[in-house]
Amino acid sequence: QVQLVESGGGLVQTGGALRLSCAASGRTRNMYVMGWFRQAPGKEREFVATISWSGDNTDYKDSVKGRFTVSRDNAKNTVYLQMNSLKPEDTGVYYCAAAKTYYTGRVKNTDYEYDYWGQGTQVTVSS
């Protein structure tokens, strides 16, 4: 079992920035692909970003490319999502997710591929 705890959400104005963190605990000795998803009110959960175990490979939702950066520190069992130039449409609950993998360079961008989820952190971008 892996437990994930997100932090760093909050209220920010359009154009502002936030940095989300996701701390993992439990069976962290396995290799995990990490992902960020979000869910806006009344909408389905959607993929935002993913990063491979090695950190060499990443993938992003088109609308966040160039504004968001995902990174990880395996020594700290933590993954980050730096969000810049935030827009009101970025508002939602952001979830961190982990998927066990045997490949250091693998990324995953669909929610059904993930095994563990955090409780989420609210991000609100005011116009």
Foldseek 3Di string as FASTA:
>chain_A
DKAKAKDWADEAAQQAKIKMKIAIDDPLVFFKKKFKWWDDPPGDIFGAKIAFSLRPDMDGDPVQPPFWDWGDDSVRRMIMIIGGRDDQVVWGWMKMFIAGDPDRGDIDGDPVRTDDIYPTDGHGYHD
